[in-house]
């Protein structure tokens, strides 16, 4: 594996890119998600979950990254990310297993409440075992090669506030990755596919 796709290499790229921080007071609720990567066949794979169908949940049935709302007991948003990983997919990663952060997201739409989402990036070995809870229908690992393949790019049409909006998406094995998850993935791809100056 080239240096850029080692844990240290990914961490350096994230640190060099930095991340956009949204003022916490801009949203009523805070949440964290984790983009988990693992090495596989000279590539990296990203862990996605399909959310369970829950009435009234704006993310019901969507492809997503493990994550959720911050609890009062969480020391910080990284602890929120760690807790949600344990609860949703059974991964218990130490703080040192997180490589960095991506841009904060503050979606403004009538479909969802005011929320600030902080995405983190974590590394796991090839032998990772995922054990999902009731909030998740199933999980998939998608290679970076597929996520950046132009042939898998598509669009999702979704009503919002009486208007139909068109959102970019990635179609992978029958699942559409779109919305906030798509934005996080594209942010990561922009960083990870940059050719480092030391290679």
Protein backbone atom coordinates (compact mmCIF):
# COMPACT_ATOMS: atom_id res chain seq x y z
CA UNK A 1 0.00 0.00 0.00
CA UNK A 2 1.39 3.40 -0.91
CA UNK A 3 2.26 5.75 1.94
CA UNK A 4 -0.71 7.98 1.25
CA UNK A 5 -3.07 5.15 2.16
CA UNK A 6 -1.41 4.12 5.39
CA UNK A 7 -3.03 5.40 8.60
CA UNK A 8 -0.21 7.92 9.01
CA UNK A 9 -0.53 9.03 5.39
CA UNK A 10 -4.30 9.52 5.59
CA UNK A 11 -3.89 11.40 8.86
CA UNK A 12 -1.30 13.73 7.29
CA UNK A 13 -3.60 14.49 4.37
CA UNK A 14 -6.51 15.28 6.66
CA UNK A 15 -4.33 17.53 8.80
CA UNK A 16 -2.93 19.32 5.76
CA UNK A 17 -6.40 19.87 4.27
CA UNK A 18 -7.90 21.15 7.50
CA UNK A 19 -11.66 21.25 7.96
CA UNK A 20 -14.40 23.84 8.00
CA UNK A 21 -15.79 24.45 11.49
CA UNK A 22 -19.36 25.67 11.94
CA UNK A 23 -20.18 27.79 14.99
CA UNK A 24 -21.94 25.42 17.46
CA UNK A 25 -24.60 28.03 18.22
CA UNK A 26 -25.72 27.87 14.58
CA UNK A 27 -27.72 24.70 15.25
CA UNK A 28 -30.09 23.44 17.93
CA UNK A 29 -28.67 19.91 17.92
CA UNK A 30 -25.22 18.42 17.38
CA UNK A 31 -24.28 15.07 15.88
CA UNK A 32 -21.21 13.15 14.76
CA UNK A 33 -20.65 10.53 12.06
CA UNK A 34 -17.63 8.38 11.29
CA UNK A 35 -16.23 7.49 7.89
CA UNK A 36 -14.50 4.18 8.68
CA UNK A 37 -11.88 3.00 6.19
CA UNK A 38 -10.07 -0.32 5.98
CA UNK A 39 -7.34 -1.57 3.61
CA UNK A 40 -8.43 -4.20 1.10
CA UNK A 41 -6.80 -5.41 -2.13
CA UNK A 42 -4.55 -2.37 -2.73
CA UNK A 43 -7.49 -0.03 -2.12
CA UNK A 44 -9.38 1.44 0.80
CA UNK A 45 -12.98 0.53 1.57
CA UNK A 46 -15.54 2.75 3.31
CA UNK A 47 -18.19 1.39 5.68
CA UNK A 48 -21.80 2.37 4.97
CA UNK A 49 -24.99 1.39 6.76
CA UNK A 50 -28.55 1.36 5.53
CA UNK A 51 -30.76 2.94 8.15
CA UNK A 52 -33.78 1.05 9.41
CA UNK A 53 -37.22 2.22 8.25
CA UNK A 54 -38.57 4.40 11.07
CA UNK A 55 -41.69 6.58 10.64
CA UNK A 56 -40.90 10.25 11.09
CA UNK A 57 -37.13 9.81 10.74
CA UNK A 58 -35.85 12.03 7.88
CA UNK A 59 -32.95 9.60 7.30
CA UNK A 60 -35.12 6.48 7.42
CA UNK A 61 -33.96 3.87 4.90
CA UNK A 62 -31.05 5.98 3.67
CA UNK A 63 -27.47 4.87 3.13
CA UNK A 64 -25.41 6.59 5.80
CA UNK A 65 -22.25 6.63 7.86
CA UNK A 66 -22.48 5.33 11.44
CA UNK A 67 -23.35 8.19 13.75
CA UNK A 68 -25.99 10.04 15.69
CA UNK A 69 -26.89 12.82 18.07
CA UNK A 70 -24.64 13.94 20.88
CA UNK A 71 -25.72 12.86 24.36
CA UNK A 72 -25.26 15.05 27.41
CA UNK A 73 -22.85 12.42 28.80
CA UNK A 74 -20.53 12.66 25.76
CA UNK A 75 -17.39 14.63 26.65
CA UNK A 76 -17.08 15.89 23.08
CA UNK A 77 -18.18 15.05 19.56
CA UNK A 78 -15.38 12.52 19.14
CA UNK A 79 -16.89 10.62 22.06
CA UNK A 80 -20.25 10.83 20.31
CA UNK A 81 -18.67 9.29 17.21
CA UNK A 82 -17.04 6.52 19.29
CA UNK A 83 -20.26 5.71 21.15
CA UNK A 84 -22.35 5.59 17.99
CA UNK A 85 -19.81 3.25 16.35
CA UNK A 86 -20.09 0.87 19.29
CA UNK A 87 -23.87 1.02 19.38
CA UNK A 88 -24.64 0.81 15.67
CA UNK A 89 -21.94 -1.42 14.20
CA UNK A 90 -20.14 -2.94 17.19
CA UNK A 91 -16.79 -1.26 16.56
CA UNK A 92 -15.00 -0.15 19.72
CA UNK A 93 -12.21 2.13 18.53
CA UNK A 94 -9.88 4.09 20.82
CA UNK A 95 -9.54 7.81 20.30
CA UNK A 96 -6.18 7.08 18.66
CA UNK A 97 -7.97 5.08 15.96
CA UNK A 98 -9.46 8.30 14.60
CA UNK A 99 -7.28 9.94 11.97
CA UNK A 100 -8.88 13.37 11.66
CA UNK A 101 -11.96 15.33 10.74
CA UNK A 102 -13.79 16.47 7.65
CA UNK A 103 -15.83 19.64 7.07
CA UNK A 104 -18.69 20.31 9.49
CA UNK A 105 -22.12 20.24 7.87
CA UNK A 106 -25.05 22.47 8.73
CA UNK A 107 -27.88 21.53 6.36
CA UNK A 108 -30.66 24.05 5.99
CA UNK A 109 -33.83 22.31 4.88
CA UNK A 110 -37.42 22.07 6.05
CA UNK A 111 -37.21 18.27 6.12
CA UNK A 112 -34.89 18.03 9.12
CA UNK A 113 -34.40 19.94 12.38
CA UNK A 114 -31.57 22.45 12.81
CA UNK A 115 -28.50 20.29 13.26
CA UNK A 116 -24.70 20.51 13.09
CA UNK A 117 -22.93 17.35 11.94
CA UNK A 118 -19.21 16.78 12.52
CA UNK A 119 -17.68 13.96 10.43
CA UNK A 120 -14.63 12.04 11.66
CA UNK A 121 -12.38 9.57 9.82
CA UNK A 122 -11.29 6.33 11.48
CA UNK A 123 -9.05 3.45 10.43
CA UNK A 124 -9.68 -0.25 11.03
CA UNK A 125 -7.78 -3.38 10.02
CA UNK A 126 -8.89 -5.80 7.32
CA UNK A 127 -10.26 -8.26 9.87
CA UNK A 128 -12.92 -5.86 11.15
CA UNK A 129 -16.17 -7.54 12.18
CA UNK A 130 -19.35 -5.48 11.98
CA UNK A 131 -22.30 -6.28 14.23
CA UNK A 132 -25.27 -3.99 13.56
CA UNK A 133 -28.07 -3.08 15.97
CA UNK A 134 -31.77 -2.51 15.35
CA UNK A 135 -31.15 0.97 13.91
CA UNK A 136 -29.38 -0.57 10.90
CA UNK A 137 -30.84 -2.84 8.20
CA UNK A 138 -27.44 -3.91 6.84
CA UNK A 139 -23.95 -2.67 6.08
CA UNK A 140 -21.70 -2.60 3.01
CA UNK A 141 -18.04 -1.88 2.35
CA UNK A 142 -17.50 0.20 -0.79
CA UNK A 143 -14.01 0.59 -2.32
CA UNK A 144 -12.70 4.04 -3.16
CA UNK A 145 -12.32 2.87 -6.75
CA UNK A 146 -16.10 2.48 -7.01
CA UNK A 147 -16.92 5.67 -5.11
CA UNK A 148 -14.86 7.74 -7.53
CA UNK A 149 -15.99 5.89 -10.69
CA UNK A 150 -17.82 8.36 -13.00
CA UNK A 151 -19.92 5.47 -14.34
CA UNK A 152 -21.56 5.10 -10.91
CA UNK A 153 -22.51 8.77 -10.56
CA UNK A 154 -26.23 9.50 -10.71
CA UNK A 155 -28.93 11.82 -9.34
CA UNK A 156 -31.71 11.60 -6.77
CA UNK A 157 -34.87 13.65 -7.12
CA UNK A 158 -36.42 14.47 -3.77
CA UNK A 159 -39.31 16.77 -2.78
CA UNK A 160 -38.51 19.47 -0.24
CA UNK A 161 -40.82 22.30 0.73
CA UNK A 162 -43.11 21.77 -2.23
CA UNK A 163 -40.26 21.76 -4.75
CA UNK A 164 -38.37 18.87 -6.31
CA UNK A 165 -34.63 19.07 -5.70
CA UNK A 166 -31.97 17.16 -7.61
CA UNK A 167 -29.12 15.74 -5.54
CA UNK A 168 -25.93 14.10 -6.85
CA UNK A 169 -25.51 10.48 -5.83
CA UNK A 170 -23.30 7.42 -6.17
CA UNK A 171 -24.99 4.13 -7.05
CA UNK A 172 -23.20 1.16 -5.49
CA UNK A 173 -24.62 -2.34 -5.73
CA UNK A 174 -28.18 -1.05 -5.90
CA UNK A 175 -27.87 1.49 -3.10
CA UNK A 176 -27.86 5.27 -3.61
CA UNK A 177 -25.38 7.26 -1.54
CA UNK A 178 -26.63 10.84 -1.55
CA UNK A 179 -27.42 13.90 0.57
CA UNK A 180 -25.25 14.57 3.62
CA UNK A 181 -23.47 11.22 3.27
CA UNK A 182 -22.54 12.02 -0.32
CA UNK A 183 -21.14 15.39 0.78
CA UNK A 184 -18.96 13.75 3.44
CA UNK A 185 -17.72 11.12 0.99
CA UNK A 186 -16.85 13.68 -1.68
CA UNK A 187 -14.99 15.79 0.90
CA UNK A 188 -12.95 12.71 1.84
CA UNK A 189 -12.30 11.75 -1.80
CA UNK A 190 -11.11 15.26 -2.63
CA UNK A 191 -8.53 14.98 0.16
CA UNK A 192 -7.46 11.35 -0.20
CA UNK A 193 -7.05 11.44 -3.98
CA UNK A 194 -4.80 14.50 -3.92
CA UNK A 195 -1.35 13.37 -4.94
CA UNK A 196 0.95 14.11 -2.00
CA UNK A 197 4.10 16.07 -2.71
CA UNK A 198 6.31 13.45 -1.00
CA UNK A 199 5.29 10.59 -3.35
